[in-house]
């Protein structure tokens, strides 16, 4: 595992920011705002995953021959479904 982590060029930065967030070190080599931004980064990309799920629905093999109007109608129906539930 160490060999994989060592090949990641940003691993040292992540370790540095982790130490700052844990208050183990106060060393700031880069922009002082970066640790704050790092602490606010989302842990997961749930919104992105939801978009991919919806795109998979529209781009399935059964729906390749849809016209632009049909896709717009389906998007409206999907949007209404999301906000009605």
PDB file of N, CA and C in Angstrom:
ATOM      1  N   UNK A   1       0.821  -1.188   0.000  1.00  0.00           N
ATOM      2  CA  UNK A   1       0.000   0.000   0.000  1.00  0.00           C
ATOM      3  C   UNK A   1       0.869   1.257   0.000  1.00  0.00           C
ATOM      4  N   UNK A   2       1.971   1.218   0.696  1.00  0.00           N
ATOM      5  CA  UNK A   2       2.854   2.385   0.734  1.00  0.00           C
ATOM      6  C   UNK A   2       3.370   2.747  -0.641  1.00  0.00           C
ATOM      7  N   UNK A   3       3.647   1.735  -1.474  1.00  0.00           N
ATOM      8  CA  UNK A   3       4.158   2.035  -2.817  1.00  0.00           C
ATOM      9  C   UNK A   3       3.106   2.750  -3.653  1.00  0.00           C
ATOM     10  N   UNK A   4       1.842   2.409  -3.461  1.00  0.00           N
ATOM     11  CA  UNK A   4       0.763   3.085  -4.188  1.00  0.00           C
ATOM     12  C   UNK A   4       0.638   4.524  -3.712  1.00  0.00           C
ATOM     13  N   UNK A   5       0.665   4.725  -2.408  1.00  0.00           N
ATOM     14  CA  UNK A   5       0.536   6.072  -1.856  1.00  0.00           C
ATOM     15  C   UNK A   5       1.712   6.959  -2.241  1.00  0.00           C
ATOM     16  N   UNK A   6       2.891   6.395  -2.309  1.00  0.00           N
ATOM     17  CA  UNK A   6       4.071   7.181  -2.674  1.00  0.00           C
ATOM     18  C   UNK A   6       4.028   7.644  -4.125  1.00  0.00           C
ATOM     19  N   UNK A   7       3.317   6.913  -4.980  1.00  0.00           N
ATOM     20  CA  UNK A   7       3.205   7.299  -6.392  1.00  0.00           C
ATOM     21  C   UNK A   7       2.213   8.438  -6.597  1.00  0.00           C
ATOM     22  N   UNK A   8       1.390   8.705  -5.597  1.00  0.00           N
ATOM     23  CA  UNK A   8       0.423   9.795  -5.689  1.00  0.00           C
ATOM     24  C   UNK A   8       1.140  11.102  -5.366  1.00  0.00           C
ATOM     25  N   UNK A   9       1.257  12.012  -6.352  1.00  0.00           N
ATOM     26  CA  UNK A   9       2.020  13.242  -6.119  1.00  0.00           C
ATOM     27  C   UNK A   9       1.403  14.173  -5.070  1.00  0.00           C
ATOM     28  N   UNK A  10       0.123  14.063  -4.823  1.00  0.00           N
ATOM     29  CA  UNK A  10      -0.534  14.953  -3.863  1.00  0.00           C
ATOM     30  C   UNK A  10      -0.698  14.330  -2.483  1.00  0.00           C
ATOM     31  N   UNK A  11      -0.180  13.136  -2.294  1.00  0.00           N
ATOM     32  CA  UNK A  11      -0.346  12.466  -1.006  1.00  0.00           C
ATOM     33  C   UNK A  11       0.298  13.259   0.130  1.00  0.00           C
ATOM     34  N   UNK A  12       1.451  13.840  -0.121  1.00  0.00           N
ATOM     35  CA  UNK A  12       2.123  14.630   0.921  1.00  0.00           C
ATOM     36  C   UNK A  12       1.290  15.855   1.304  1.00  0.00           C
ATOM     37  N   UNK A  13       0.650  16.489   0.310  1.00  0.00           N
ATOM     38  CA  UNK A  13      -0.217  17.637   0.613  1.00  0.00           C
ATOM     39  C   UNK A  13      -1.394  17.196   1.479  1.00  0.00           C
ATOM     40  N   UNK A  14      -1.975  16.056   1.131  1.00  0.00           N
ATOM     41  CA  UNK A  14      -3.115  15.551   1.903  1.00  0.00           C
ATOM     42  C   UNK A  14      -2.681  15.273   3.341  1.00  0.00           C
ATOM     43  N   UNK A  15      -1.507  14.668   3.504  1.00  0.00           N
ATOM     44  CA  UNK A  15      -0.998  14.420   4.857  1.00  0.00           C
ATOM     45  C   UNK A  15      -0.776  15.731   5.605  1.00  0.00           C
ATOM     46  N   UNK A  16      -0.231  16.733   4.908  1.00  0.00           N
ATOM     47  CA  UNK A  16       0.003  18.033   5.535  1.00  0.00           C
ATOM     48  C   UNK A  16      -1.313  18.653   5.993  1.00  0.00           C
ATOM     49  N   UNK A  17      -2.308  18.672   5.111  1.00  0.00           N
ATOM     50  CA  UNK A  17      -3.601  19.274   5.453  1.00  0.00           C
ATOM     51  C   UNK A  17      -4.300  18.483   6.549  1.00  0.00           C
ATOM     52  N   UNK A  18      -4.139  17.174   6.520  1.00  0.00           N
ATOM     53  CA  UNK A  18      -4.718  16.353   7.581  1.00  0.00           C
ATOM     54  C   UNK A  18      -4.106  16.723   8.929  1.00  0.00           C
ATOM     55  N   UNK A  19      -2.799  16.926   8.950  1.00  0.00           N
ATOM     56  CA  UNK A  19      -2.128  17.336  10.188  1.00  0.00           C
ATOM     57  C   UNK A  19      -2.591  18.696  10.664  1.00  0.00           C
ATOM     58  N   UNK A  20      -2.812  19.607   9.718  1.00  0.00           N
ATOM     59  CA  UNK A  20      -3.297  20.941  10.085  1.00  0.00           C
ATOM     60  C   UNK A  20      -4.696  20.845  10.677  1.00  0.00           C
ATOM     61  N   UNK A  21      -5.562  20.054  10.036  1.00  0.00           N
ATOM     62  CA  UNK A  21      -6.934  19.921  10.528  1.00  0.00           C
ATOM     63  C   UNK A  21      -6.985  19.241  11.891  1.00  0.00           C
ATOM     64  N   UNK A  22      -6.043  18.343  12.143  1.00  0.00           N
ATOM     65  CA  UNK A  22      -5.974  17.679  13.451  1.00  0.00           C
ATOM     66  C   UNK A  22      -5.201  18.514  14.468  1.00  0.00           C
ATOM     67  N   UNK A  23      -4.728  19.684  14.029  1.00  0.00           N
ATOM     68  CA  UNK A  23      -3.951  20.599  14.855  1.00  0.00           C
ATOM     69  C   UNK A  23      -2.627  19.980  15.322  1.00  0.00           C
ATOM     70  N   UNK A  24      -2.069  19.093  14.492  1.00  0.00           N
ATOM     71  CA  UNK A  24      -0.770  18.497  14.798  1.00  0.00           C
ATOM     72  C   UNK A  24       0.370  19.353  14.265  1.00  0.00           C
ATOM     73  N   UNK A  25       0.097  20.161  13.251  1.00  0.00           N
ATOM     74  CA  UNK A  25       1.117  21.015  12.655  1.00  0.00           C
ATOM     75  C   UNK A  25       0.479  22.319  12.188  1.00  0.00           C
ATOM     76  N   UNK A  26       1.265  23.351  12.103  1.00  0.00           N
ATOM     77  CA  UNK A  26       0.774  24.635  11.606  1.00  0.00           C
ATOM     78  C   UNK A  26       1.541  25.074  10.364  1.00  0.00           C
ATOM     79  N   UNK A  27       2.221  24.153   9.733  1.00  0.00           N
ATOM     80  CA  UNK A  27       3.063  24.461   8.588  1.00  0.00           C
ATOM     81  C   UNK A  27       2.205  24.665   7.335  1.00  0.00           C
ATOM     82  N   UNK A  28       2.256  25.862   6.774  1.00  0.00           N
ATOM     83  CA  UNK A  28       1.496  26.171   5.562  1.00  0.00           C
ATOM     84  C   UNK A  28       2.465  26.522   4.442  1.00  0.00           C
ATOM     85  N   UNK A  29       2.667  25.597   3.527  1.00  0.00           N
ATOM     86  CA  UNK A  29       3.579  25.841   2.416  1.00  0.00           C
ATOM     87  C   UNK A  29       2.880  26.540   1.257  1.00  0.00           C
ATOM     88  N   UNK A  30       1.603  26.291   1.114  1.00  0.00           N
ATOM     89  CA  UNK A  30       0.835  26.849   0.003  1.00  0.00           C
ATOM     90  C   UNK A  30      -0.066  27.964   0.506  1.00  0.00           C
ATOM     91  N   UNK A  31      -1.105  28.201  -0.228  1.00  0.00           N
ATOM     92  CA  UNK A  31      -2.100  29.212   0.126  1.00  0.00           C
ATOM     93  C   UNK A  31      -2.715  28.875   1.486  1.00  0.00           C
ATOM     94  N   UNK A  32      -2.744  29.810   2.426  1.00  0.00           N
ATOM     95  CA  UNK A  32      -3.308  29.533   3.752  1.00  0.00           C
ATOM     96  C   UNK A  32      -4.791  29.168   3.724  1.00  0.00           C
ATOM     97  N   UNK A  33      -5.487  29.477   2.638  1.00  0.00           N
ATOM     98  CA  UNK A  33      -6.912  29.154   2.552  1.00  0.00           C
ATOM     99  C   UNK A  33      -7.148  27.685   2.207  1.00  0.00           C
ATOM    100  N   UNK A  34      -6.152  27.003   1.672  1.00  0.00           N
ATOM    101  CA  UNK A  34      -6.348  25.630   1.214  1.00  0.00           C
ATOM    102  C   UNK A  34      -6.807  24.668   2.307  1.00  0.00           C
ATOM    103  N   UNK A  35      -6.237  24.694   3.500  1.00  0.00           N
ATOM    104  CA  UNK A  35      -6.744  23.767   4.527  1.00  0.00           C
ATOM    105  C   UNK A  35      -8.221  23.989   4.848  1.00  0.00           C
ATOM    106  N   UNK A  36      -8.649  25.252   4.853  1.00  0.00           N
ATOM    107  CA  UNK A  36     -10.062  25.518   5.105  1.00  0.00           C
ATOM    108  C   UNK A  36     -10.917  24.919   3.994  1.00  0.00           C
ATOM    109  N   UNK A  37     -10.512  25.124   2.741  1.00  0.00           N
ATOM    110  CA  UNK A  37     -11.267  24.560   1.622  1.00  0.00           C
ATOM    111  C   UNK A  37     -11.260  23.044   1.680  1.00  0.00           C
ATOM    112  N   UNK A  38     -10.139  22.476   2.069  1.00  0.00           N
ATOM    113  CA  UNK A  38     -10.023  21.026   2.198  1.00  0.00           C
ATOM    114  C   UNK A  38     -10.986  20.501   3.258  1.00  0.00           C
ATOM    115  N   UNK A  39     -11.152  21.248   4.342  1.00  0.00           N
ATOM    116  CA  UNK A  39     -12.051  20.807   5.415  1.00  0.00           C
ATOM    117  C   UNK A  39     -13.514  20.889   5.009  1.00  0.00           C
ATOM    118  N   UNK A  40     -13.828  21.691   3.993  1.00  0.00           N
ATOM    119  CA  UNK A  40     -15.209  21.846   3.538  1.00  0.00           C
ATOM    120  C   UNK A  40     -15.545  20.957   2.347  1.00  0.00           C
ATOM    121  N   UNK A  41     -14.587  20.210   1.852  1.00  0.00           N
ATOM    122  CA  UNK A  41     -14.824  19.369   0.676  1.00  0.00           C
ATOM    123  C   UNK A  41     -15.819  18.268   1.022  1.00  0.00           C
ATOM    124  N   UNK A  42     -16.765  17.999   0.125  1.00  0.00           N
ATOM    125  CA  UNK A  42     -17.729  16.936   0.401  1.00  0.00           C
ATOM    126  C   UNK A  42     -17.046  15.571   0.429  1.00  0.00           C
ATOM    127  N   UNK A  43     -17.518  14.711   1.300  1.00  0.00           N
ATOM    128  CA  UNK A  43     -16.937  13.379   1.422  1.00  0.00           C
ATOM    129  C   UNK A  43     -17.358  12.499   0.257  1.00  0.00           C
ATOM    130  N   UNK A  44     -18.582  12.663  -0.194  1.00  0.00           N
ATOM    131  CA  UNK A  44     -19.072  11.872  -1.322  1.00  0.00           C
ATOM    132  C   UNK A  44     -19.570  12.791  -2.416  1.00  0.00           C
ATOM    133  N   UNK A  45     -19.787  12.209  -3.562  1.00  0.00           N
ATOM    134  CA  UNK A  45     -20.304  12.976  -4.695  1.00  0.00           C
ATOM    135  C   UNK A  45     -21.694  12.458  -5.055  1.00  0.00           C
ATOM    136  N   UNK A  46     -22.586  12.479  -4.086  1.00  0.00           N
ATOM    137  CA  UNK A  46     -23.923  11.924  -4.256  1.00  0.00           C
ATOM    138  C   UNK A  46     -24.670  12.613  -5.396  1.00  0.00           C
ATOM    139  N   UNK A  47     -24.568  13.937  -5.479  1.00  0.00           N
ATOM    140  CA  UNK A  47     -25.271  14.647  -6.548  1.00  0.00           C
ATOM    141  C   UNK A  47     -24.804  14.180  -7.915  1.00  0.00           C
ATOM    142  N   UNK A  48     -23.517  14.019  -8.060  1.00  0.00           N
ATOM    143  CA  UNK A  48     -22.957  13.557  -9.329  1.00  0.00           C
ATOM    144  C   UNK A  48     -23.436  12.139  -9.638  1.00  0.00           C
ATOM    145  N   UNK A  49     -23.461  11.276  -8.640  1.00  0.00           N
ATOM    146  CA  UNK A  49     -23.915   9.905  -8.840  1.00  0.00           C
ATOM    147  C   UNK A  49     -25.382   9.872  -9.262  1.00  0.00           C
ATOM    148  N   UNK A  50     -26.197  10.752  -8.707  1.00  0.00           N
ATOM    149  CA  UNK A  50     -27.607  10.811  -9.096  1.00  0.00           C
ATOM    150  C   UNK A  50     -27.761  11.227 -10.551  1.00  0.00           C
ATOM    151  N   UNK A  51     -26.952  12.188 -10.984  1.00  0.00           N
ATOM    152  CA  UNK A  51     -27.014  12.625 -12.380  1.00  0.00           C
ATOM    153  C   UNK A  51     -26.643  11.476 -13.300  1.00  0.00           C
ATOM    154  N   UNK A  52     -25.593  10.730 -12.969  1.00  0.00           N
ATOM    155  CA  UNK A  52     -25.198   9.604 -13.806  1.00  0.00           C
ATOM    156  C   UNK A  52     -26.291   8.547 -13.866  1.00  0.00           C
ATOM    157  N   UNK A  53     -26.977   8.317 -12.765  1.00  0.00           N
ATOM    158  CA  UNK A  53     -28.071   7.351 -12.754  1.00  0.00           C
ATOM    159  C   UNK A  53     -29.182   7.787 -13.691  1.00  0.00           C
ATOM    160  N   UNK A  54     -29.513   9.072 -13.659  1.00  0.00           N
ATOM    161  CA  UNK A  54     -30.562   9.573 -14.553  1.00  0.00           C
ATOM    162  C   UNK A  54     -30.120   9.524 -16.007  1.00  0.00           C
ATOM    163  N   UNK A  55     -28.863   9.842 -16.268  1.00  0.00           N
ATOM    164  CA  UNK A  55     -28.371   9.768 -17.642  1.00  0.00           C
ATOM    165  C   UNK A  55     -28.394   8.340 -18.151  1.00  0.00           C
ATOM    166  N   UNK A  56     -28.083   7.393 -17.285  1.00  0.00           N
ATOM    167  CA  UNK A  56     -28.115   5.992 -17.693  1.00  0.00           C
ATOM    168  C   UNK A  56     -29.526   5.609 -18.128  1.00  0.00           C
ATOM    169  N   UNK A  57     -30.527   6.145 -17.456  1.00  0.00           N
ATOM    170  CA  UNK A  57     -31.915   5.885 -17.824  1.00  0.00           C
ATOM    171  C   UNK A  57     -32.209   6.412 -19.227  1.00  0.00           C
ATOM    172  N   UNK A  58     -31.731   7.620 -19.524  1.00  0.00           N
ATOM    173  CA  UNK A  58     -32.018   8.230 -20.820  1.00  0.00           C
ATOM    174  C   UNK A  58     -31.163   7.661 -21.942  1.00  0.00           C
ATOM    175  N   UNK A  59     -29.984   7.201 -21.631  1.00  0.00           N
ATOM    176  CA  UNK A  59     -29.069   6.743 -22.671  1.00  0.00           C
ATOM    177  C   UNK A  59     -29.032   5.226 -22.815  1.00  0.00           C
ATOM    178  N   UNK A  60     -30.030   4.546 -22.315  1.00  0.00           N
ATOM    179  CA  UNK A  60     -30.065   3.093 -22.444  1.00  0.00           C
ATOM    180  C   UNK A  60     -30.327   2.703 -23.899  1.00  0.00           C
ATOM    181  N   UNK A  61     -30.061   1.458 -24.228  1.00  0.00           N
ATOM    182  CA  UNK A  61     -30.231   0.977 -25.608  1.00  0.00           C
ATOM    183  C   UNK A  61     -31.659   1.133 -26.109  1.00  0.00           C
ATOM    184  N   UNK A  62     -32.634   1.003 -25.234  1.00  0.00           N
ATOM    185  CA  UNK A  62     -34.029   1.111 -25.644  1.00  0.00           C
ATOM    186  C   UNK A  62     -34.402   2.539 -26.011  1.00  0.00           C
ATOM    187  N   UNK A  63     -33.631   3.503 -25.594  1.00  0.00           N
ATOM    188  CA  UNK A  63     -34.015   4.898 -25.789  1.00  0.00           C
ATOM    189  C   UNK A  63     -33.105   5.652 -26.762  1.00  0.00           C
ATOM    190  N   UNK A  64     -32.270   4.955 -27.480  1.00  0.00           N
ATOM    191  CA  UNK A  64     -31.340   5.623 -28.391  1.00  0.00           C
ATOM    192  C   UNK A  64     -32.065   6.354 -29.507  1.00  0.00           C
ATOM    193  N   UNK A  65     -33.220   5.855 -29.917  1.00  0.00           N
ATOM    194  CA  UNK A  65     -33.920   6.453 -31.059  1.00  0.00           C
ATOM    195  C   UNK A  65     -34.907   7.548 -30.657  1.00  0.00           C
ATOM    196  N   UNK A  66     -34.821   8.050 -29.447  1.00  0.00           N
ATOM    197  CA  UNK A  66     -35.736   9.108 -29.021  1.00  0.00           C
ATOM    198  C   UNK A  66     -35.445  10.414 -29.753  1.00  0.00           C
ATOM    199  N   UNK A  67     -36.501  11.153 -30.001  1.00  0.00           N
ATOM    200  CA  UNK A  67     -36.328  12.478 -30.600  1.00  0.00           C
ATOM    201  C   UNK A  67     -36.044  13.493 -29.496  1.00  0.00           C
ATOM    202  N   UNK A  68     -35.643  14.666 -29.888  1.00  0.00           N
ATOM    203  CA  UNK A  68     -35.337  15.718 -28.916  1.00  0.00           C
ATOM    204  C   UNK A  68     -36.572  16.086 -28.096  1.00  0.00           C
ATOM    205  N   UNK A  69     -37.728  16.140 -28.740  1.00  0.00           N
ATOM    206  CA  UNK A  69     -38.965  16.475 -28.018  1.00  0.00           C
ATOM    207  C   UNK A  69     -39.317  15.414 -26.982  1.00  0.00           C
ATOM    208  N   UNK A  70     -39.119  14.140 -27.329  1.00  0.00           N
ATOM    209  CA  UNK A  70     -39.402  13.080 -26.364  1.00  0.00           C
ATOM    210  C   UNK A  70     -38.469  13.178 -25.151  1.00  0.00           C
ATOM    211  N   UNK A  71     -37.218  13.488 -25.410  1.00  0.00           N
ATOM    212  CA  UNK A  71     -36.267  13.625 -24.302  1.00  0.00           C
ATOM    213  C   UNK A  71     -36.666  14.791 -23.397  1.00  0.00           C
ATOM    214  N   UNK A  72     -37.060  15.907 -23.996  1.00  0.00           N
ATOM    215  CA  UNK A  72     -37.509  17.053 -23.192  1.00  0.00           C
ATOM    216  C   UNK A  72     -38.715  16.675 -22.342  1.00  0.00           C
ATOM    217  N   UNK A  73     -39.673  15.968 -22.948  1.00  0.00           N
ATOM    218  CA  UNK A  73     -40.856  15.533 -22.196  1.00  0.00           C
ATOM    219  C   UNK A  73     -40.464  14.612 -21.044  1.00  0.00           C
ATOM    220  N   UNK A  74     -39.533  13.697 -21.304  1.00  0.00           N
ATOM    221  CA  UNK A  74     -39.101  12.779 -20.250  1.00  0.00           C
ATOM    222  C   UNK A  74     -38.383  13.532 -19.130  1.00  0.00           C
ATOM    223  N   UNK A  75     -37.597  14.536 -19.491  1.00  0.00           N
ATOM    224  CA  UNK A  75     -36.914  15.329 -18.471  1.00  0.00           C
ATOM    225  C   UNK A  75     -37.907  16.076 -17.592  1.00  0.00           C
ATOM    226  N   UNK A  76     -38.948  16.610 -18.210  1.00  0.00           N
ATOM    227  CA  UNK A  76     -39.982  17.312 -17.435  1.00  0.00           C
ATOM    228  C   UNK A  76     -40.671  16.342 -16.487  1.00  0.00           C
ATOM    229  N   UNK A  77     -41.000  15.151 -16.988  1.00  0.00           N
ATOM    230  CA  UNK A  77     -41.638  14.150 -16.130  1.00  0.00           C
ATOM    231  C   UNK A  77     -40.713  13.736 -14.984  1.00  0.00           C
ATOM    232  N   UNK A  78     -39.447  13.549 -15.295  1.00  0.00           N
ATOM    233  CA  UNK A  78     -38.483  13.164 -14.261  1.00  0.00           C
ATOM    234  C   UNK A  78     -38.333  14.269 -13.222  1.00  0.00           C
ATOM    235  N   UNK A  79     -38.245  15.512 -13.684  1.00  0.00           N
ATOM    236  CA  UNK A  79     -38.117  16.648 -12.772  1.00  0.00           C
ATOM    237  C   UNK A  79     -39.338  16.731 -11.857  1.00  0.00           C
ATOM    238  N   UNK A  80     -40.533  16.589 -12.442  1.00  0.00           N
ATOM    239  CA  UNK A  80     -41.754  16.629 -11.634  1.00  0.00           C
ATOM    240  C   UNK A  80     -41.767  15.500 -10.614  1.00  0.00           C
ATOM    241  N   UNK A  81     -41.339  14.325 -11.020  1.00  0.00           N
ATOM    242  CA  UNK A  81     -41.304  13.185 -10.110  1.00  0.00           C
ATOM    243  C   UNK A  81     -40.348  13.450  -8.944  1.00  0.00           C
ATOM    244  N   UNK A  82     -39.195  14.044  -9.233  1.00  0.00           N
ATOM    245  CA  UNK A  82     -38.211  14.325  -8.179  1.00  0.00           C
ATOM    246  C   UNK A  82     -38.754  15.307  -7.147  1.00  0.00           C
ATOM    247  N   UNK A  83     -39.486  16.297  -7.598  1.00  0.00           N
ATOM    248  CA  UNK A  83     -39.947  17.338  -6.679  1.00  0.00           C
ATOM    249  C   UNK A  83     -41.314  17.054  -6.072  1.00  0.00           C
ATOM    250  N   UNK A  84     -42.016  16.071  -6.583  1.00  0.00           N
ATOM    251  CA  UNK A  84     -43.313  15.712  -6.010  1.00  0.00           C
ATOM    252  C   UNK A  84     -43.159  14.678  -4.901  1.00  0.00           C
ATOM    253  N   UNK A  85     -42.048  13.952  -4.895  1.00  0.00           N
ATOM    254  CA  UNK A  85     -41.874  12.915  -3.866  1.00  0.00           C
ATOM    255  C   UNK A  85     -41.027  13.402  -2.731  1.00  0.00           C
TER     256      UNK A  85
END
